């Protein structure tokens, strides 16, 4: 096995040995190509700053990228970063200012921690929507209106949109960026309970203006190219990093590549800031100008939705790869999804930690034989509250097992329509549904294969403390077919599960589950559902005793909390 070393203090003119390492991953990639594969690239301690995405293609196959000492007590701490260090100084009002030229970012890292954009809850005064934006009777003291972004939480109960302001006057007339504001009138239309709505309601939050600063928050004045950060009282000279890359790693068509013990950090995602906005529908899907359809959810109740939704991108992207492995890695402070895979075969994500992410931890679409196992996922969806912890769409023989997903704003684990063979087993999902409504700790929808032996299995999962009102701890929804839900525990949810949905469930079996309350519809089980051998125990102590073995098996295989 050929081995090369890379260090932030190295030299690309060096031979890449342990004592004379390369300086960049690009140089190591070139050396690995020349070697023809079967190469290990040892990354030495420190922050490896990328100025452009690290691109891997088919000729970069059969390479391992790992932290030096991986798997031993001497493993070095290696960060692959898309950030740029900023220099600035405090003004007389205590605000730290940095001139950033043409830099654009929606995120900031100070002393190694993500800091929030400055914002206020909603617009002041009495607000009225117009054809081009909003009018309020309260004066606006915004410094840089063209950089302000609106958050529209709960357009639908499971939906949170973002749109940009084009201009605003001090007397309260706000013009929104187009085409996003016009698109929203096409995307968001509904009638429910006698109430009809169209387009975007007034914002629930207004972000990114220096006028909104509070200690520990920032705003980027795009017109003047100045970043404003108001330090916390305990901060003296902050170390400030602006995430500037949207993608850290993009692998296309590679085979047998592994990443071990690396931390991927410090990216942004600029799409919500541009004129098209972020018109979210469900999970990681958003409208990008395509056709709009209508869904009838009940008699007299309907809504419009994108017929084909675009997906939030990932900081680490795989396209059509085979045999790629991520082991013992960390994904943190990323401006969109952490790890995304599209197509391909034989993906393994094992023993990784995902935290402090703007969207999902893992999103897999159209991949065959993806295994997501023993990963710790928490505090994700920080910018995009509809994002799930882990999402599988149109996969085949995909397995999500022994993960701990906690503190997420909507669904913990999502499996959409699949080509068959989905297994969601032995996971621990706690404190899901922290922000939006109508979801669950584990959510599954649509057809799951076409026969019993190719259907989905949801088994051995422990789902607890699903938080917002109107949720179902374990949620089979929207025409789910060929699903076996067996041997799970659901406790402390608004509702444990639901058997009556639209379109109706078909060939769905609930068997041997433990609940602390009866699922909705279990007293009148629909024709497409088999409900047998399930147990409801309302007393918490009795439920704990009955579920002891199940609790012991669920969650991480390697207990790191």
Protein backbone atom coordinates (compact mmCIF):
# COMPACT_ATOMS: atom_id res chain seq x y z
CA UNK A 1 0.00 0.00 0.00
CA UNK A 2 1.35 3.38 -1.06
CA UNK A 3 1.09 6.13 1.57
CA UNK A 4 1.22 9.92 1.33
CA UNK A 5 1.06 12.54 4.08
CA UNK A 6 -0.56 15.99 4.00
CA UNK A 7 -0.08 18.72 6.62
CA UNK A 8 -1.28 22.34 6.80
CA UNK A 9 2.38 23.20 7.41
CA UNK A 10 3.67 21.03 4.57
CA UNK A 11 5.01 21.85 1.12
CA UNK A 12 3.54 20.69 -2.18
CA UNK A 13 7.07 20.55 -3.59
CA UNK A 14 7.95 17.93 -0.94
CA UNK A 15 7.69 14.16 -1.64
CA UNK A 16 4.65 13.65 0.65
CA UNK A 17 6.46 11.47 3.18
CA UNK A 18 5.83 11.45 6.92
CA UNK A 19 8.72 13.83 7.58
CA UNK A 20 8.19 15.94 4.42
CA UNK A 21 4.42 16.05 3.83
CA UNK A 22 2.45 17.74 1.08
CA UNK A 23 0.57 20.95 1.94
CA UNK A 24 -2.73 20.34 0.12
CA UNK A 25 -5.24 17.64 -0.62
CA UNK A 26 -5.05 18.55 -4.30
CA UNK A 27 -1.38 17.59 -4.38
CA UNK A 28 -2.10 14.33 -2.57
CA UNK A 29 -4.89 13.53 -5.05
CA UNK A 30 -2.47 14.02 -7.96
CA UNK A 31 0.09 11.76 -6.33
CA UNK A 32 -2.55 9.09 -5.71
CA UNK A 33 -3.56 9.24 -9.38
CA UNK A 34 0.02 8.77 -10.45
CA UNK A 35 0.28 5.76 -8.12
CA UNK A 36 -2.78 4.17 -9.75
CA UNK A 37 -4.83 3.64 -6.60
CA UNK A 38 -4.49 1.43 -3.51
CA UNK A 39 -3.26 4.52 -1.68
CA UNK A 40 -3.71 5.83 1.86
CA UNK A 41 -3.54 9.60 2.33
CA UNK A 42 -2.68 10.43 5.92
CA UNK A 43 -3.94 13.86 6.98
CA UNK A 44 -1.91 15.37 9.78
CA UNK A 45 -3.29 17.49 12.64
CA UNK A 46 -4.69 20.93 11.97
CA UNK A 47 -7.17 22.72 9.73
CA UNK A 48 -6.91 21.93 6.04
CA UNK A 49 -8.52 24.97 4.40
CA UNK A 50 -10.07 24.46 0.97
CA UNK A 51 -10.42 27.37 -1.44
CA UNK A 52 -12.52 25.32 -3.85
CA UNK A 53 -14.36 21.99 -3.60
CA UNK A 54 -12.18 18.88 -3.45
CA UNK A 55 -13.25 17.04 -6.61
CA UNK A 56 -12.87 13.27 -7.02
CA UNK A 57 -13.63 11.42 -10.25
CA UNK A 58 -13.37 7.82 -11.43
CA UNK A 59 -9.58 8.04 -11.75
CA UNK A 60 -9.41 8.84 -8.02
CA UNK A 61 -10.71 5.41 -6.97
CA UNK A 62 -9.19 3.02 -4.42
CA UNK A 63 -7.92 5.69 -2.03
CA UNK A 64 -8.34 6.07 1.73
CA UNK A 65 -8.28 9.58 3.24
CA UNK A 66 -7.82 9.35 6.99
CA UNK A 67 -6.64 11.20 10.06
CA UNK A 68 -3.13 10.13 11.02
CA UNK A 69 -3.32 7.51 13.74
CA UNK A 70 -6.95 6.68 12.93
CA UNK A 71 -8.43 4.15 15.32
CA UNK A 72 -5.70 4.55 17.94
CA UNK A 73 -5.23 6.71 21.03
CA UNK A 74 -2.77 8.78 18.98
CA UNK A 75 -5.34 9.77 16.33
CA UNK A 76 -4.76 13.39 15.32
CA UNK A 77 -7.51 16.00 15.07
CA UNK A 78 -8.03 16.88 11.42
CA UNK A 79 -10.49 19.48 10.11
CA UNK A 80 -11.33 19.98 6.44
CA UNK A 81 -12.73 23.51 6.30
CA UNK A 82 -14.44 25.72 3.76
CA UNK A 83 -13.99 28.81 5.89
CA UNK A 84 -11.97 31.98 5.54
CA UNK A 85 -10.44 33.68 8.55
CA UNK A 86 -11.46 37.32 8.91
CA UNK A 87 -9.55 40.19 10.46
CA UNK A 88 -11.31 43.17 11.96
CA UNK A 89 -11.54 45.46 14.93
CA UNK A 90 -14.07 46.81 17.36
CA UNK A 91 -15.79 50.08 16.73
CA UNK A 92 -16.64 52.63 19.43
CA UNK A 93 -20.00 50.91 20.04
CA UNK A 94 -18.26 47.58 20.74
CA UNK A 95 -19.29 45.97 17.44
CA UNK A 96 -16.53 43.96 15.75
CA UNK A 97 -16.28 45.01 12.08
CA UNK A 98 -14.55 43.33 9.16
CA UNK A 99 -14.35 44.55 5.57
CA UNK A 100 -15.09 41.52 3.40
CA UNK A 101 -15.05 42.87 -0.18
CA UNK A 102 -17.25 40.57 -2.27
CA UNK A 103 -17.53 37.77 0.29
CA UNK A 104 -21.03 36.37 0.72
CA UNK A 105 -22.05 34.06 3.53
CA UNK A 106 -25.11 33.29 5.61
CA UNK A 107 -23.06 31.80 8.44
CA UNK A 108 -20.28 32.65 10.85
CA UNK A 109 -18.00 30.77 13.25
CA UNK A 110 -16.47 32.51 16.27
CA UNK A 111 -13.94 30.72 18.46
CA UNK A 112 -15.02 27.41 16.94
CA UNK A 113 -18.76 27.80 17.51
CA UNK A 114 -21.52 28.68 15.08
CA UNK A 115 -23.13 32.03 15.84
CA UNK A 116 -26.64 33.05 14.87
CA UNK A 117 -27.57 35.75 12.41
CA UNK A 118 -29.02 38.81 14.08
CA UNK A 119 -32.80 38.84 13.86
CA UNK A 120 -36.10 39.94 15.34
CA UNK A 121 -39.36 38.07 15.74
CA UNK A 122 -41.63 39.31 12.97
CA UNK A 123 -42.28 42.77 11.58
CA UNK A 124 -43.18 45.59 13.94
CA UNK A 125 -46.55 47.31 13.83
CA UNK A 126 -49.68 46.37 11.93
CA UNK A 127 -48.67 44.51 8.78
CA UNK A 128 -50.51 44.19 5.49
CA UNK A 129 -49.42 42.09 2.52
CA UNK A 130 -49.41 43.74 -0.92
CA UNK A 131 -48.89 42.42 -4.45
CA UNK A 132 -45.17 43.14 -4.20
CA UNK A 133 -44.42 42.70 -0.50
CA UNK A 134 -45.63 44.12 2.79
CA UNK A 135 -46.52 47.42 4.42
CA UNK A 136 -46.28 48.15 8.13
CA UNK A 137 -47.37 51.23 10.02
CA UNK A 138 -44.22 51.06 12.18
CA UNK A 139 -41.05 52.85 11.04
CA UNK A 140 -38.12 50.70 9.92
CA UNK A 141 -34.61 51.60 11.05
CA UNK A 142 -32.86 48.94 8.98
CA UNK A 143 -29.29 49.80 7.93
CA UNK A 144 -29.11 47.63 4.81
CA UNK A 145 -32.61 46.51 3.68
CA UNK A 146 -31.41 44.69 0.54
CA UNK A 147 -29.59 42.15 2.72
CA UNK A 148 -32.57 41.33 4.95
CA UNK A 149 -34.12 37.87 4.81
CA UNK A 150 -37.61 36.84 5.93
CA UNK A 151 -38.45 33.52 7.57
CA UNK A 152 -42.02 32.28 7.10
CA UNK A 153 -42.57 29.45 9.59
CA UNK A 154 -45.69 27.32 9.29
CA UNK A 155 -46.88 28.27 5.80
CA UNK A 156 -48.14 24.71 5.96
CA UNK A 157 -47.71 23.11 9.41
CA UNK A 158 -44.64 21.20 8.13
CA UNK A 159 -43.23 24.03 5.99
CA UNK A 160 -40.83 26.94 6.54
CA UNK A 161 -39.93 29.28 3.68
CA UNK A 162 -37.24 31.98 3.33
CA UNK A 163 -37.38 35.00 1.02
CA UNK A 164 -35.15 38.01 0.42
CA UNK A 165 -36.08 41.68 0.70
CA UNK A 166 -35.35 43.75 -2.42
CA UNK A 167 -35.86 47.14 -0.79
CA UNK A 168 -37.57 48.86 2.13
CA UNK A 169 -38.36 52.46 3.00
CA UNK A 170 -38.07 53.97 6.48
CA UNK A 171 -41.84 54.53 6.58
CA UNK A 172 -42.54 50.78 6.27
CA UNK A 173 -43.00 49.87 2.60
CA UNK A 174 -41.22 46.59 1.84
CA UNK A 175 -40.65 45.20 -1.66
CA UNK A 176 -39.74 41.52 -1.86
CA UNK A 177 -37.32 39.92 -4.30
CA UNK A 178 -38.75 38.27 -7.41
CA UNK A 179 -39.48 35.68 -8.65
CA UNK A 180 -39.69 34.13 -5.16
CA UNK A 181 -42.59 36.27 -3.92
CA UNK A 182 -44.66 35.61 -7.06
CA UNK A 183 -43.77 31.92 -7.07
CA UNK A 184 -45.06 31.68 -3.51
CA UNK A 185 -48.56 32.61 -4.69
CA UNK A 186 -48.46 29.57 -6.97
CA UNK A 187 -46.86 27.15 -4.49
CA UNK A 188 -48.78 27.92 -1.30
CA UNK A 189 -52.55 27.65 -1.69
CA UNK A 190 -54.78 25.71 0.64
CA UNK A 191 -58.27 25.26 1.99
CA UNK A 192 -58.67 23.60 5.36
CA UNK A 193 -61.46 23.79 7.91
CA UNK A 194 -63.19 26.52 5.93
CA UNK A 195 -60.06 28.68 5.87
CA UNK A 196 -58.44 29.55 2.52
CA UNK A 197 -54.89 30.91 2.22
CA UNK A 198 -52.69 32.00 -0.69
CA UNK A 199 -49.01 32.90 -0.83
CA UNK A 200 -46.75 33.82 2.06
CA UNK A 201 -48.09 35.19 5.31
CA UNK A 202 -46.14 37.91 7.06
CA UNK A 203 -42.74 36.73 8.30
CA UNK A 204 -42.34 35.08 11.66
CA UNK A 205 -38.71 36.23 11.81
CA UNK A 206 -36.63 38.93 10.11
CA UNK A 207 -32.86 38.36 9.85
CA UNK A 208 -29.54 39.92 8.84
CA UNK A 209 -29.39 43.61 9.53
CA UNK A 210 -26.96 45.42 11.87
CA UNK A 211 -29.96 47.05 13.55
CA UNK A 212 -30.91 43.63 14.94
CA UNK A 213 -27.58 42.85 16.66
CA UNK A 214 -27.59 41.34 20.14
CA UNK A 215 -24.53 39.88 21.91
CA UNK A 216 -23.22 36.81 20.09
CA UNK A 217 -24.95 37.51 16.74
CA UNK A 218 -23.79 38.84 13.37
CA UNK A 219 -25.08 40.54 10.24
CA UNK A 220 -23.51 40.98 6.82
CA UNK A 221 -24.08 44.39 5.26
CA UNK A 222 -23.97 43.35 1.62
CA UNK A 223 -24.23 46.87 0.24
CA UNK A 224 -21.18 48.14 2.15
CA UNK A 225 -19.33 44.80 2.24
CA UNK A 226 -18.90 44.92 6.02
CA UNK A 227 -19.53 42.09 8.47
CA UNK A 228 -20.82 43.14 11.89
CA UNK A 229 -20.42 40.90 14.94
CA UNK A 230 -21.39 41.93 18.46
CA UNK A 231 -19.15 39.95 20.84
CA UNK A 232 -20.50 38.36 23.98
CA UNK A 233 -19.39 39.95 27.26
CA UNK A 234 -16.84 37.17 27.88
CA UNK A 235 -15.15 37.58 24.48
CA UNK A 236 -12.04 39.69 24.12
CA UNK A 237 -10.45 39.21 20.71
CA UNK A 238 -12.72 36.82 18.79
CA UNK A 239 -11.29 34.41 16.24
CA UNK A 240 -13.74 34.76 13.35
CA UNK A 241 -14.15 32.42 10.39
CA UNK A 242 -16.62 33.05 7.57
CA UNK A 243 -17.77 29.87 5.81
CA UNK A 244 -17.44 30.64 2.09
CA UNK A 245 -17.57 27.31 0.24
CA UNK A 246 -20.91 25.61 -0.33
CA UNK A 247 -19.32 22.23 -1.12
CA UNK A 248 -16.26 20.68 0.53
CA UNK A 249 -16.03 17.35 -1.28
CA UNK A 250 -17.71 16.25 -4.51
CA UNK A 251 -17.10 12.66 -5.58
CA UNK A 252 -18.47 11.50 -8.94
CA UNK A 253 -18.21 7.93 -10.19
CA UNK A 254 -15.45 6.90 -7.78
CA UNK A 255 -15.10 3.36 -6.49
CA UNK A 256 -13.78 2.10 -3.16
CA UNK A 257 -12.91 5.39 -1.50
CA UNK A 258 -12.95 5.81 2.28
CA UNK A 259 -12.89 8.79 4.64
CA UNK A 260 -11.89 8.01 8.22
CA UNK A 261 -11.62 10.16 11.30
CA UNK A 262 -12.01 13.51 9.51
CA UNK A 263 -14.04 16.54 10.55
CA UNK A 264 -15.85 18.36 7.74
CA UNK A 265 -16.71 21.94 8.75
CA UNK A 266 -17.51 25.51 7.85
CA UNK A 267 -19.67 25.83 4.74
CA UNK A 268 -22.55 28.09 3.77
CA UNK A 269 -25.47 27.85 1.31
CA UNK A 270 -26.48 31.03 -0.49
CA UNK A 271 -29.64 29.95 -2.31
CA UNK A 272 -32.11 31.32 0.30
CA UNK A 273 -30.48 34.74 -0.08
CA UNK A 274 -31.01 35.05 -3.84
CA UNK A 275 -34.06 36.24 -5.75
CA UNK A 276 -35.54 32.72 -6.02
CA UNK A 277 -35.62 32.31 -2.25
CA UNK A 278 -36.19 29.03 -0.46
CA UNK A 279 -39.81 27.99 -0.96
CA UNK A 280 -39.83 24.87 1.16
CA UNK A 281 -42.43 22.14 0.89
CA UNK A 282 -41.44 19.03 2.88
CA UNK A 283 -38.24 17.56 4.35
CA UNK A 284 -35.32 18.73 2.14
CA UNK A 285 -37.54 19.55 -0.84
CA UNK A 286 -38.14 23.07 -2.14
CA UNK A 287 -39.74 24.69 -5.18
CA UNK A 288 -37.41 25.74 -7.99
CA UNK A 289 -39.85 27.02 -10.60
CA UNK A 290 -41.37 23.77 -11.88
CA UNK A 291 -44.97 22.63 -12.18
CA UNK A 292 -47.43 22.92 -9.31
CA UNK A 293 -49.95 20.20 -8.43
CA UNK A 294 -52.96 19.95 -6.13
CA UNK A 295 -53.46 17.37 -3.39
CA UNK A 296 -56.90 16.64 -1.92
CA UNK A 297 -56.30 15.61 1.69
CA UNK A 298 -59.92 15.29 2.82
CA UNK A 299 -63.40 16.37 1.80
CA UNK A 300 -63.23 20.13 1.42
CA UNK A 301 -59.53 20.24 2.24
CA UNK A 302 -56.76 20.61 -0.36
CA UNK A 303 -53.42 22.24 -0.96
CA UNK A 304 -51.01 22.96 -3.79
CA UNK A 305 -47.49 21.53 -3.83
CA UNK A 306 -44.47 21.38 -6.16
CA UNK A 307 -44.80 18.40 -8.48
CA UNK A 308 -41.02 17.95 -8.53
CA UNK A 309 -39.07 19.42 -5.65
CA UNK A 310 -35.39 20.32 -5.73
CA UNK A 311 -33.33 19.03 -2.79
CA UNK A 312 -31.15 21.00 -0.40
CA UNK A 313 -27.54 20.24 -1.40
CA UNK A 314 -24.88 18.72 0.84
CA UNK A 315 -21.45 19.90 1.89
CA UNK A 316 -20.06 16.44 1.07
CA UNK A 317 -21.63 15.08 -2.12
CA UNK A 318 -21.55 11.67 -3.75
CA UNK A 319 -22.86 11.14 -7.28
CA UNK A 320 -23.01 7.65 -8.77
CA UNK A 321 -20.29 6.26 -6.51
CA UNK A 322 -19.66 2.63 -5.56
CA UNK A 323 -18.18 1.33 -2.33
CA UNK A 324 -17.67 4.67 -0.57
CA UNK A 325 -17.18 4.57 3.22
CA UNK A 326 -17.34 7.22 5.94
CA UNK A 327 -16.14 5.95 9.29
CA UNK A 328 -15.57 7.86 12.50
CA UNK A 329 -16.00 11.26 10.84
CA UNK A 330 -17.68 14.40 12.14
CA UNK A 331 -19.83 16.83 10.15
CA UNK A 332 -20.32 20.18 11.89
CA UNK A 333 -20.99 23.87 11.27
CA UNK A 334 -22.25 23.20 7.75
CA UNK A 335 -24.61 25.55 5.91
CA UNK A 336 -26.87 22.95 4.31
CA UNK A 337 -27.05 19.13 4.54
CA UNK A 338 -23.99 17.33 5.89
CA UNK A 339 -23.63 14.28 3.64
CA UNK A 340 -25.63 13.67 0.48
CA UNK A 341 -25.60 10.74 -1.94
CA UNK A 342 -27.40 10.49 -5.28
CA UNK A 343 -27.53 7.20 -7.17
CA UNK A 344 -24.70 4.74 -6.94
CA UNK A 345 -24.27 1.57 -4.93
CA UNK A 346 -22.86 0.26 -1.67
CA UNK A 347 -22.56 3.31 0.60
CA UNK A 348 -21.61 2.92 4.27
CA UNK A 349 -21.82 5.70 6.86
CA UNK A 350 -20.79 4.27 10.19
CA UNK A 351 -19.77 5.68 13.55
CA UNK A 352 -19.97 9.33 12.50
CA UNK A 353 -21.22 12.37 14.42
CA UNK A 354 -23.43 15.04 12.84
CA UNK A 355 -24.16 18.25 14.71
CA UNK A 356 -24.72 21.97 14.23
CA UNK A 357 -26.02 21.69 10.67
CA UNK A 358 -28.33 24.06 8.79
CA UNK A 359 -30.29 21.19 7.22
CA UNK A 360 -30.23 17.36 7.41
CA UNK A 361 -27.38 15.19 8.58
CA UNK A 362 -27.65 12.54 5.85
CA UNK A 363 -29.75 12.55 2.66
CA UNK A 364 -29.64 9.54 0.34
CA UNK A 365 -31.55 9.52 -2.96
CA UNK A 366 -31.74 6.67 -5.46
CA UNK A 367 -28.85 4.70 -3.96
CA UNK A 368 -28.75 0.92 -3.83
CA UNK A 369 -27.49 -0.75 -0.63
CA UNK A 370 -26.88 2.26 1.59
CA UNK A 371 -26.07 1.43 5.21
CA UNK A 372 -26.34 4.22 7.78
CA UNK A 373 -25.35 2.71 11.11
CA UNK A 374 -24.17 3.78 14.57
CA UNK A 375 -24.26 7.51 13.90
CA UNK A 376 -25.03 10.26 16.40
CA UNK A 377 -27.25 12.97 14.89
CA UNK A 378 -28.37 16.04 16.80
CA UNK A 379 -28.99 19.78 16.58
CA UNK A 380 -29.56 19.80 12.84
CA UNK A 381 -32.06 21.74 10.73
CA UNK A 382 -30.93 24.95 12.40
CA UNK A 383 -31.76 27.11 9.34
CA UNK A 384 -34.23 24.83 7.58
CA UNK A 385 -36.67 23.47 10.13
CA UNK A 386 -38.34 21.00 7.77
CA UNK A 387 -35.14 18.98 7.41
CA UNK A 388 -35.05 15.53 8.96
CA UNK A 389 -32.10 13.99 10.74
CA UNK A 390 -31.73 11.17 8.18
CA UNK A 391 -33.61 10.97 4.86
CA UNK A 392 -33.87 8.12 2.34
CA UNK A 393 -35.73 8.66 -0.98
CA UNK A 394 -36.17 6.12 -3.81
CA UNK A 395 -33.50 3.84 -2.36
CA UNK A 396 -33.20 0.08 -2.74
CA UNK A 397 -32.15 -2.23 0.10
CA UNK A 398 -31.34 0.74 2.31
CA UNK A 399 -30.68 0.22 6.03
CA UNK A 400 -30.87 2.81 8.82
CA UNK A 401 -29.86 1.03 12.02
CA UNK A 402 -28.58 1.70 15.53
CA UNK A 403 -28.42 5.47 15.17
CA UNK A 404 -29.30 7.99 17.87
CA UNK A 405 -31.18 10.95 16.42
CA UNK A 406 -32.01 13.71 18.90
CA UNK A 407 -33.07 17.36 19.07
CA UNK A 408 -34.27 17.83 15.50
CA UNK A 409 -36.85 20.40 14.34
CA UNK A 410 -39.12 18.02 12.43
CA UNK A 411 -38.91 14.31 11.54
CA UNK A 412 -36.10 12.30 13.06
CA UNK A 413 -35.84 9.67 10.30
CA UNK A 414 -37.63 9.85 6.94
CA UNK A 415 -38.07 7.15 4.31
CA UNK A 416 -40.01 8.21 1.25
CA UNK A 417 -41.11 5.94 -1.60
CA UNK A 418 -38.54 3.21 -2.22
CA UNK A 419 -37.68 0.49 -4.69
CA UNK A 420 -37.93 -2.02 -1.86
CA UNK A 421 -35.97 -3.47 1.00
CA UNK A 422 -35.87 -0.49 3.38
CA UNK A 423 -34.97 -1.39 6.97
CA UNK A 424 -35.27 1.13 9.82
CA UNK A 425 -34.26 -0.85 12.85
CA UNK A 426 -32.98 -0.43 16.41
CA UNK A 427 -32.69 3.35 16.30
CA UNK A 428 -33.16 5.68 19.26
CA UNK A 429 -35.05 8.87 18.34
CA UNK A 430 -35.50 11.43 21.10
CA UNK A 431 -36.86 14.98 21.09
CA UNK A 432 -37.87 15.08 17.44
CA UNK A 433 -40.44 17.59 16.11
CA UNK A 434 -38.99 20.49 18.06
CA UNK A 435 -40.23 23.26 15.72
CA UNK A 436 -42.70 22.31 12.98
CA UNK A 437 -45.79 20.10 13.16
CA UNK A 438 -47.30 17.09 11.35
CA UNK A 439 -44.43 14.63 11.41
CA UNK A 440 -42.88 12.02 13.65
CA UNK A 441 -39.83 10.46 15.18
CA UNK A 442 -39.83 7.94 12.32
CA UNK A 443 -41.81 8.96 9.23
CA UNK A 444 -42.44 6.72 6.22
CA UNK A 445 -44.59 7.48 3.17
CA UNK A 446 -45.48 6.05 -0.21
CA UNK A 447 -45.02 2.63 -1.81
CA UNK A 448 -42.27 0.44 -0.33
CA UNK A 449 -41.72 -2.21 -2.98
CA UNK A 450 -44.41 -4.36 -4.56
CA UNK A 451 -44.61 -7.52 -2.46
CA UNK A 452 -44.27 -8.63 1.17
CA UNK A 453 -40.65 -9.83 0.99
CA UNK A 454 -39.56 -6.54 -0.62
CA UNK A 455 -41.46 -4.22 1.69
CA UNK A 456 -40.17 -1.93 4.43
CA UNK A 457 -39.54 -2.98 8.01
CA UNK A 458 -39.66 -0.54 10.93
CA UNK A 459 -38.57 -2.60 13.91
CA UNK A 460 -36.92 -2.35 17.30
CA UNK A 461 -36.88 1.45 17.39
CA UNK A 462 -37.34 3.50 20.56
CA UNK A 463 -39.09 6.82 19.90
CA UNK A 464 -39.57 9.16 22.85
CA UNK A 465 -40.42 12.78 23.61
CA UNK A 466 -41.75 13.79 20.20
CA UNK A 467 -42.48 17.38 21.07
CA UNK A 468 -44.68 19.76 19.09
CA UNK A 469 -48.48 19.39 19.02
CA UNK A 470 -49.98 17.36 16.20
CA UNK A 471 -47.30 14.74 15.74
CA UNK A 472 -47.21 10.96 15.54
CA UNK A 473 -44.18 9.34 17.16
CA UNK A 474 -44.26 6.61 14.54
CA UNK A 475 -45.89 7.85 11.35
CA UNK A 476 -46.80 5.74 8.29
CA UNK A 477 -48.33 8.27 5.91
CA UNK A 478 -49.48 9.18 2.43
CA UNK A 479 -50.34 5.87 0.83
CA UNK A 480 -47.61 3.79 2.48
CA UNK A 481 -47.78 0.20 1.20
CA UNK A 482 -46.01 -3.05 2.09
CA UNK A 483 -44.77 -1.98 5.52
CA UNK A 484 -44.25 -4.03 8.68
CA UNK A 485 -44.08 -2.02 11.90
CA UNK A 486 -42.99 -4.45 14.59
CA UNK A 487 -41.49 -4.42 18.07
CA UNK A 488 -41.10 -0.65 18.50
CA UNK A 489 -41.57 1.51 21.58
CA UNK A 490 -43.30 4.90 21.34
CA UNK A 491 -43.70 7.03 24.45
CA UNK A 492 -44.43 10.66 25.30
CA UNK A 493 -45.65 11.77 21.88
CA UNK A 494 -48.70 13.87 21.04
CA UNK A 495 -49.97 10.71 19.32
CA UNK A 496 -48.14 7.38 19.22
CA UNK A 497 -49.15 6.50 15.63
CA UNK A 498 -51.99 6.94 13.13
CA UNK A 499 -53.74 4.30 11.02
CA UNK A 500 -56.12 6.52 9.01
CA UNK A 501 -54.28 8.69 6.47
CA UNK A 502 -54.86 9.95 2.93
CA UNK A 503 -54.22 8.25 0.55
CA UNK A 504 -54.96 5.21 2.75
CA UNK A 505 -52.45 2.66 3.98
CA UNK A 506 -52.34 -0.67 2.15
CA UNK A 507 -50.65 -3.91 3.22
CA UNK A 508 -49.39 -2.29 6.42
CA UNK A 509 -48.95 -4.38 9.58
CA UNK A 510 -48.57 -3.08 13.13
CA UNK A 511 -47.50 -5.98 15.30
CA UNK A 512 -45.98 -6.40 18.77
CA UNK A 513 -45.37 -2.71 19.44
CA UNK A 514 -45.35 -1.03 22.85
CA UNK A 515 -47.23 2.26 23.23
CA UNK A 516 -48.09 4.50 26.16
CA UNK A 517 -51.33 5.49 24.37
CA UNK A 518 -53.41 3.83 21.68
CA UNK A 519 -52.62 4.90 18.10
CA UNK A 520 -55.17 7.09 16.37
CA UNK A 521 -57.58 4.78 14.53
CA UNK A 522 -56.74 1.59 16.43
CA UNK A 523 -60.34 1.41 17.63
CA UNK A 524 -61.55 1.23 14.00
CA UNK A 525 -58.69 -0.32 12.04
CA UNK A 526 -58.95 0.44 8.30
CA UNK A 527 -59.08 -2.34 5.72
CA UNK A 528 -55.49 -1.85 4.53
CA UNK A 529 -53.98 -2.31 8.01
CA UNK A 530 -53.37 -5.38 10.16
CA UNK A 531 -53.19 -4.43 13.84
CA UNK A 532 -52.33 -7.32 16.14
CA UNK A 533 -50.43 -8.13 19.32
CA UNK A 534 -49.71 -4.53 20.22
CA UNK A 535 -49.67 -3.44 23.86
CA UNK A 536 -50.59 -0.12 25.41
CA UNK A 537 -49.23 0.54 28.91
CA UNK A 538 -50.07 3.97 30.28
CA UNK A 539 -48.13 3.64 33.52
CA UNK A 540 -44.53 4.85 32.90
CA UNK A 541 -42.93 2.44 35.38
CA UNK A 542 -44.72 -0.57 33.93
CA UNK A 543 -43.85 0.53 30.40
CA UNK A 544 -40.17 0.91 31.35
CA UNK A 545 -40.11 -2.62 32.75
CA UNK A 546 -41.77 -4.08 29.65
CA UNK A 547 -39.41 -2.20 27.34
CA UNK A 548 -36.11 -2.81 29.16
CA UNK A 549 -34.67 -5.23 26.59
CA UNK A 550 -35.83 -3.08 23.69
CA UNK A 551 -34.21 0.02 25.19
CA UNK A 552 -30.96 -1.88 25.73
CA UNK A 553 -30.74 -2.84 22.05
CA UNK A 554 -31.76 0.46 20.47
CA UNK A 555 -29.38 3.28 19.70
CA UNK A 556 -25.65 3.46 19.21
CA UNK A 557 -23.49 0.38 19.06
CA UNK A 558 -20.55 2.46 20.33
CA UNK A 559 -21.90 4.54 23.18
CA UNK A 560 -20.67 8.07 22.63
CA UNK A 561 -23.06 10.75 23.80
